[in-house]
Protein backbone atom coordinates (compact mmCIF):
# COMPACT_ATOMS: atom_id res chain seq x y z
CA MET A 1 -8.35 -35.95 -4.44
CA ALA A 2 -7.35 -32.54 -4.49
CA THR A 3 -10.71 -30.31 -3.67
CA THR A 4 -11.97 -28.02 -6.24
CA PHE A 5 -12.12 -24.57 -5.59
CA PRO A 6 -13.78 -21.54 -7.50
CA HIS A 7 -10.95 -19.40 -10.20
CA THR A 8 -12.57 -16.18 -8.72
CA LEU A 9 -12.70 -14.65 -5.20
CA VAL A 10 -16.47 -13.06 -5.06
CA ASP A 11 -17.02 -11.76 -1.67
CA PRO A 12 -21.18 -11.45 -0.59
CA PHE A 13 -21.65 -7.66 -2.80
CA GLN A 14 -20.44 -9.84 -5.83
CA ARG A 15 -16.93 -8.07 -6.21
CA GLN A 16 -14.17 -10.28 -7.15
CA ILE A 17 -11.32 -10.09 -5.28
CA SER A 18 -8.68 -10.34 -7.94
CA TYR A 19 -5.62 -8.10 -5.44
CA LEU A 20 -3.51 -9.03 -2.69
CA ARG A 21 -1.17 -6.56 -0.24
CA LEU A 22 0.98 -8.76 1.20
CA SER A 23 3.09 -7.45 4.15
CA VAL A 24 6.37 -8.94 4.48
CA THR A 25 7.05 -6.80 7.36
CA ASP A 26 5.62 -4.51 10.18
CA ARG A 27 9.17 -3.17 11.31
CA CYS A 28 10.35 0.20 9.53
CA ASP A 29 13.24 2.49 8.78
CA PHE A 30 11.30 5.58 9.40
CA ARG A 31 8.25 6.68 11.59
CA CYS A 32 6.13 8.78 10.18
CA VAL A 33 3.69 10.67 12.29
CA TYR A 34 0.54 9.64 9.92
CA CYS A 35 1.12 6.11 10.29
CA MET A 36 3.30 5.22 13.42
CA ALA A 37 3.98 6.16 17.40
CA GLU A 38 7.97 7.11 17.49
CA ASP A 39 8.31 4.43 19.87
CA MET A 40 6.82 1.29 18.63
CA GLN A 41 5.87 -2.45 19.88
CA PHE A 42 6.57 -4.67 16.95
CA VAL A 43 5.67 -8.32 16.21
CA PRO A 44 7.76 -11.02 17.99
CA LYS A 45 9.74 -12.77 15.44
CA PRO A 46 7.86 -16.23 16.09
CA GLN A 47 4.68 -14.92 15.26
CA VAL A 48 5.96 -13.47 11.86
CA LEU A 49 5.91 -15.38 9.33
CA THR A 50 8.96 -16.71 7.30
CA LEU A 51 9.51 -16.07 3.53
CA GLU A 52 8.60 -19.38 2.56
CA GLU A 53 5.46 -19.26 4.31
CA LEU A 54 4.72 -15.58 2.35
CA TYR A 55 5.42 -17.35 -0.33
CA ARG A 56 2.82 -20.43 -0.03
CA VAL A 57 -0.28 -17.44 1.02
CA ALA A 58 0.69 -15.64 -2.19
CA GLU A 59 0.47 -19.67 -4.13
CA ALA A 60 -3.02 -20.30 -2.66
CA PHE A 61 -4.41 -17.03 -3.53
CA THR A 62 -3.16 -16.92 -7.67
CA GLY A 63 -4.78 -20.75 -7.14
CA LEU A 64 -7.40 -18.54 -6.27
CA GLY A 65 -8.10 -16.04 -9.74
CA VAL A 66 -5.88 -13.15 -7.37
CA SER A 67 -3.67 -11.87 -10.27
CA LYS A 68 -1.95 -8.63 -8.99
CA ILE A 69 0.40 -9.03 -5.48
CA ARG A 70 1.48 -5.73 -4.04
CA LEU A 71 4.63 -6.46 -1.45
CA THR A 72 3.70 -4.03 1.88
CA GLY A 73 5.32 -3.47 4.92
CA GLY A 74 6.51 -1.25 7.16
CA GLU A 75 9.35 -1.32 4.63
CA PRO A 76 9.43 -4.21 2.52
CA LEU A 77 12.54 -3.78 1.64
CA ILE A 78 14.49 -3.96 5.20
CA ARG A 79 13.11 -7.40 5.26
CA ASN A 80 16.18 -9.86 5.63
CA ASN A 81 16.62 -11.78 2.40
CA ILE A 82 13.81 -10.44 0.52
CA MET A 83 15.01 -10.61 -2.78
CA SER A 84 14.84 -14.16 -2.36
CA LEU A 85 11.09 -13.86 -1.84
CA VAL A 86 10.44 -11.42 -4.74
CA GLU A 87 12.79 -13.50 -7.48
CA ARG A 88 10.15 -16.33 -6.58
CA LEU A 89 7.11 -14.25 -6.49
CA GLY A 90 7.79 -13.07 -10.03
CA ARG A 91 8.34 -16.15 -11.15
CA LEU A 92 4.80 -17.40 -9.77
CA PRO A 93 2.13 -19.30 -12.59
CA GLY A 94 -0.90 -16.96 -12.36
CA LEU A 95 0.75 -14.01 -11.21
CA ASP A 96 0.11 -10.92 -13.96
CA GLU A 97 1.29 -7.74 -11.80
CA LEU A 98 3.81 -7.83 -8.97
CA VAL A 99 4.51 -4.61 -7.44
CA LEU A 100 5.50 -2.91 -3.98
CA THR A 101 5.19 0.11 -1.98
CA THR A 102 8.06 1.36 -0.52
CA ASN A 103 9.54 4.24 1.43
CA GLY A 104 12.38 5.07 -0.91
CA SER A 105 15.33 4.74 1.45
CA ARG A 106 16.72 1.40 -0.16
CA LEU A 107 15.86 1.95 -3.51
CA ALA A 108 19.04 3.40 -5.04
CA GLN A 109 20.59 -0.30 -4.41
CA LEU A 110 17.83 -2.38 -4.88
CA ALA A 111 15.68 -0.84 -7.99
CA PRO A 112 17.37 -2.82 -10.60
CA ALA A 113 17.37 -5.77 -8.76
CA LEU A 114 13.63 -5.42 -8.05
CA ARG A 115 13.09 -4.60 -11.91
CA ASP A 116 15.34 -7.79 -13.06
CA ALA A 117 13.10 -9.60 -10.74
CA GLY A 118 10.09 -9.15 -12.19
CA VAL A 119 8.14 -5.98 -9.97
CA ARG A 120 6.55 -4.20 -12.49
CA ARG A 121 5.29 -1.18 -11.05
CA ILE A 122 6.54 0.53 -7.83
CA ASN A 123 4.88 2.96 -5.06
CA ILE A 124 7.67 5.21 -3.09
CA SER A 125 6.27 7.98 -0.35
CA ILE A 126 7.51 11.16 0.12
CA ASP A 127 5.41 13.83 1.99
CA SER A 128 7.89 16.61 1.81
CA LEU A 129 11.12 18.17 -0.59
CA GLN A 130 12.65 20.10 2.57
CA PRO A 131 15.36 17.68 3.85
CA ASP A 132 14.13 19.51 7.59
CA ARG A 133 10.85 18.43 7.07
CA PHE A 134 11.37 15.58 5.75
CA ARG A 135 13.05 14.45 9.00
CA GLU A 136 10.60 15.91 11.22
CA ILE A 137 7.63 14.06 9.40
CA THR A 138 9.01 10.53 9.08
CA ARG A 139 11.08 10.86 12.23
CA PHE A 140 14.40 9.29 10.61
CA GLY A 141 14.11 9.89 7.05
CA ASP A 142 16.85 10.92 4.90
CA LEU A 143 15.59 13.30 1.47
CA SER A 144 18.55 12.84 -0.29
CA ALA A 145 18.54 9.15 -0.15
CA VAL A 146 15.05 9.12 -1.05
CA ILE A 147 15.61 11.51 -3.98
CA ALA A 148 18.23 9.48 -5.02
CA GLY A 149 16.16 5.74 -4.60
CA ILE A 150 13.36 7.92 -6.85
CA ASP A 151 15.94 8.46 -9.73
CA VAL A 152 17.71 5.33 -9.75
CA ALA A 153 14.12 3.62 -10.16
CA VAL A 154 13.20 5.68 -13.04
CA ALA A 155 16.03 5.02 -14.66
CA ALA A 156 15.62 0.86 -14.10
CA GLY A 157 12.73 1.56 -16.26
CA PHE A 158 9.50 0.11 -13.88
CA GLU A 159 6.39 0.33 -16.04
CA ARG A 160 4.98 2.98 -13.90
CA ILE A 161 5.82 4.25 -10.51
CA LYS A 162 4.19 6.55 -8.46
CA LEU A 163 4.64 8.71 -5.49
CA ASN A 164 2.54 9.32 -2.77
CA ALA A 165 1.80 11.65 -0.34
CA VAL A 166 -0.03 12.20 2.40
CA ILE A 167 -0.87 16.40 3.18
CA LEU A 168 -1.64 17.53 6.58
CA ARG A 169 -2.52 20.90 6.81
CA GLY A 170 0.04 23.69 8.92
CA ARG A 171 2.58 20.54 8.31
CA ASN A 172 3.30 20.30 4.28
CA ASP A 173 0.14 21.41 2.33
CA ASP A 174 2.19 24.37 1.16
CA GLU A 175 4.18 21.89 -1.32
CA VAL A 176 1.99 20.10 -2.80
CA LEU A 177 2.66 22.41 -5.84
CA ASP A 178 5.99 21.64 -5.24
CA LEU A 179 5.52 17.92 -4.81
CA VAL A 180 3.22 18.06 -8.26
CA ALA A 181 6.19 20.19 -10.13
CA PHE A 182 8.85 17.20 -9.07
CA ALA A 183 6.97 14.68 -10.16
CA GLN A 184 6.06 16.31 -13.76
CA GLU A 185 9.59 16.64 -14.13
CA ARG A 186 10.30 13.22 -14.20
CA GLY A 187 7.70 11.93 -15.98
CA ILE A 188 5.90 9.76 -12.71
CA ASP A 189 2.47 9.57 -11.10
CA ILE A 190 2.08 11.51 -7.74
CA ALA A 191 -1.15 10.84 -5.83
CA PHE A 192 -2.16 13.02 -2.50
CA ILE A 193 -4.11 10.47 0.09
CA GLU A 194 -6.26 11.57 2.90
CA GLU A 195 -4.83 10.98 6.27
CA MET A 196 -6.72 7.63 7.63
CA PRO A 197 -7.41 7.10 11.11
CA LEU A 198 -5.69 3.83 11.59
CA GLY A 199 -4.09 3.49 15.28
CA GLN A 200 -4.00 6.01 18.42
CA ILE A 201 -1.17 9.00 17.98
CA ASP A 202 -0.79 11.65 19.74
CA GLU A 203 1.63 13.66 17.69
CA HIS A 204 -1.08 15.90 16.64
CA SER A 205 -4.60 16.03 15.43
CA ARG A 206 -6.28 14.05 12.35
CA SER A 207 -9.03 16.61 12.11
CA LEU A 208 -7.19 19.59 12.61
CA SER A 209 -4.88 18.57 10.15
CA PHE A 210 -7.07 17.20 7.53
CA CYS A 211 -6.75 17.89 3.85
CA SER A 212 -9.22 16.98 1.91
CA SER A 213 -8.66 15.72 -1.80
CA ALA A 214 -11.29 18.50 -3.29
CA GLY A 215 -8.80 21.07 -1.45
CA LEU A 216 -6.26 20.21 -3.02
CA GLN A 217 -7.70 19.41 -6.21
CA GLN A 218 -8.97 22.75 -6.56
CA GLN A 219 -5.12 24.64 -5.38
CA ILE A 220 -3.04 22.48 -8.15
CA GLY A 221 -5.85 23.48 -10.86
CA GLU A 222 -5.07 27.00 -10.15
CA ARG A 223 -1.44 26.26 -11.49
CA TYR A 224 -1.95 23.15 -13.56
CA PRO A 225 -4.97 22.30 -15.99
CA LEU A 226 -6.26 18.79 -14.61
CA LEU A 227 -8.17 16.37 -17.28
CA PRO A 228 -10.09 13.92 -15.39
CA LEU A 229 -9.75 10.23 -16.29
CA GLY A 230 -12.73 9.19 -15.01
CA ASP A 231 -12.90 6.75 -11.70
CA PRO A 232 -10.59 4.34 -10.44
CA THR A 233 -9.90 1.24 -11.83
CA GLY A 234 -9.36 -2.08 -10.42
CA SER A 235 -5.45 -1.93 -12.23
CA ASP A 236 -4.81 1.71 -10.64
CA GLY A 237 -6.47 1.51 -6.93
CA PRO A 238 -8.36 3.63 -5.69
CA ALA A 239 -6.91 7.05 -6.87
CA ARG A 240 -9.06 9.83 -9.37
CA TYR A 241 -6.25 10.41 -11.53
CA PHE A 242 -5.95 13.31 -13.77
CA ARG A 243 -3.81 13.94 -16.84
CA ILE A 244 -1.80 17.39 -17.17
CA PRO A 245 -1.17 18.07 -20.92
CA GLY A 246 2.38 17.69 -22.25
CA ASN A 247 3.55 15.17 -19.68
CA ALA A 248 3.24 11.75 -18.66
CA GLY A 249 2.84 11.72 -15.20
CA ARG A 250 -0.75 11.72 -13.89
CA VAL A 251 -2.00 13.42 -10.86
CA GLY A 252 -4.21 11.42 -8.33
CA PHE A 253 -6.50 11.82 -5.70
CA ILE A 254 -6.89 8.81 -2.86
CA SER A 255 -9.75 10.02 -0.39
CA PRO A 256 -11.33 7.65 1.72
CA HIS A 257 -13.07 9.97 3.62
CA SER A 258 -14.04 12.97 1.33
CA ASN A 259 -14.78 10.52 -2.04
CA ASN A 260 -15.50 6.61 -0.45
CA PHE A 261 -14.29 4.17 -2.94
CA CYS A 262 -15.42 0.78 -1.21
CA HIS A 263 -17.74 -0.51 -4.02
CA LEU A 264 -15.09 -0.41 -6.08
CA CYS A 265 -12.82 -2.57 -3.72
CA ASN A 266 -10.94 -5.67 -5.74
CA ARG A 267 -8.30 -6.52 -2.32
CA VAL A 268 -7.96 -8.11 0.90
CA ARG A 269 -4.64 -7.67 2.91
CA VAL A 270 -2.69 -10.14 4.47
CA THR A 271 -0.70 -8.85 7.78
CA VAL A 272 3.10 -10.34 8.56
CA GLU A 273 1.71 -12.49 11.42
CA GLY A 274 -0.82 -14.08 8.93
CA ARG A 275 -3.87 -12.43 9.52
CA LEU A 276 -6.07 -11.91 6.15
CA LEU A 277 -7.77 -8.69 6.29
CA LEU A 278 -10.96 -8.30 3.97
CA CYS A 279 -10.89 -4.67 4.53
CA LEU A 280 -9.04 -1.61 5.54
CA GLY A 281 -11.54 -0.07 7.92
CA ASN A 282 -12.80 -2.95 9.62
CA GLU A 283 -11.54 -5.21 12.02
CA HIS A 284 -13.03 -8.42 9.78
CA SER A 285 -10.22 -11.10 9.65
CA VAL A 286 -9.05 -14.61 9.73
CA ASP A 287 -6.06 -16.28 10.89
CA LEU A 288 -4.13 -17.38 8.07
CA ARG A 289 -0.76 -18.06 10.07
CA GLU A 290 -2.51 -20.94 12.15
CA VAL A 291 -3.74 -22.34 9.02
CA LEU A 292 0.06 -22.21 7.60
CA ARG A 293 1.01 -23.80 10.78
CA ALA A 294 -1.37 -26.65 11.58
CA PRO A 295 -0.34 -29.95 11.65
CA GLY A 296 -0.49 -31.26 7.83
CA SER A 297 -1.22 -27.97 6.22
CA THR A 298 -1.51 -28.08 2.65
CA ARG A 299 -2.64 -25.84 -0.05
CA ASP A 300 -6.14 -27.07 -0.08
CA THR A 301 -6.53 -26.31 3.36
CA LEU A 302 -5.16 -23.07 3.29
CA GLN A 303 -7.47 -21.61 0.12
CA HIS A 304 -10.55 -23.61 1.65
CA ALA A 305 -9.86 -20.54 4.89
CA ILE A 306 -9.30 -18.00 2.40
CA VAL A 307 -12.47 -18.60 0.14
CA ALA A 308 -14.52 -19.88 3.80
CA ALA A 309 -12.99 -16.25 5.18
CA MET A 310 -14.71 -13.89 1.87
CA ALA A 311 -17.85 -14.17 3.41
CA LEU A 312 -16.96 -11.82 6.22
CA LYS A 313 -15.55 -8.84 3.62
CA PRO A 314 -17.72 -5.76 4.60
CA GLU A 315 -19.58 -3.62 1.91
CA LYS A 316 -17.89 -0.52 3.32
CA HIS A 317 -15.86 1.26 5.91
CA HIS A 318 -16.89 4.28 8.16
CA PHE A 319 -13.69 6.62 8.92
CA ASP A 320 -14.11 9.65 10.81
CA HIS A 321 -11.78 11.92 12.75
CA SER A 322 -13.97 13.19 15.55
CA GLY A 323 -13.04 10.59 18.02
CA GLU A 324 -11.06 7.98 19.01
CA PRO A 325 -9.81 5.67 16.20
CA ASP A 326 -12.17 2.93 15.80
CA ILE A 327 -9.17 0.48 14.54
CA LEU A 328 -6.45 0.75 16.56
CA ARG A 329 -3.81 -0.96 14.37
CA PHE A 330 -1.01 1.29 13.11
CA MET A 331 -0.72 1.70 8.89
CA ASN A 332 2.39 -0.89 9.65
CA MET A 333 0.56 -3.54 10.95
CA THR A 334 -2.21 -3.18 8.21
CA GLY A 335 0.17 -3.88 5.62
CA GLY A 336 0.02 -0.51 3.95
């Protein structure tokens, strides 16, 4: 007889977990300076979850009340045969929202197929509109390909598209208004994200390059009237959004340092090697790959491990730029 599990996942602080960020690869065709080292060591392929194992994880979570899954990386669209997984997830019972975060490099080719497969919303990273600067920040990125991907995605008719920009002082902080105008011209959202201290980097000083959401909001507010849309919601993630009158696109700020949003957390992450991370800024985790690959592994055993892991979810993270990072894994390992 099958084990009876709760219909919803609840952590020790009575937060309901309804959102899974599922990493399908730690690899990326960019090496963004705030996300990865230039010379990265990636997970050996035998340690990477197969597409079938990724589907089993998604199926287990939706059976426990998770209604939203975001595919992340690295860059998810470079994973071999990724569309086969997207198509299966798009038909998964109980999944209300299948969404994706991408650097946009392959969207011009894949956006229509993603929409047809059931992806409802998409987040696209873009930190500069200047080709040379974009290449400097991403180390390998082609700005024209990303802009083409954004425009194809807009034409494909996703329910919502959001641009993500990490602003670094002295690097791209002079482009904030240009980025807002770029999003407004297309009627799509843009969110500005405070850099997170994940992974050891030597390329720049995080403390010296830090730009707060409050400072960016003030800068934008001097050009555009920003009408607040309230506190973050579960469906929109941790961004605090503002509306500019006369435009469909919103402007958001994600502030893991200056305006901690942990009390609203409704998510967990699974890395491509199957580690269930209970918090972005802590190391509390459970090895689901071991469960998946154990002899006789079933959906019940996987769900049992997931339910038990909820007890480990901490109340909040404590990000700090003043010293060495407490979290040594890079963002590509965390899963977006």
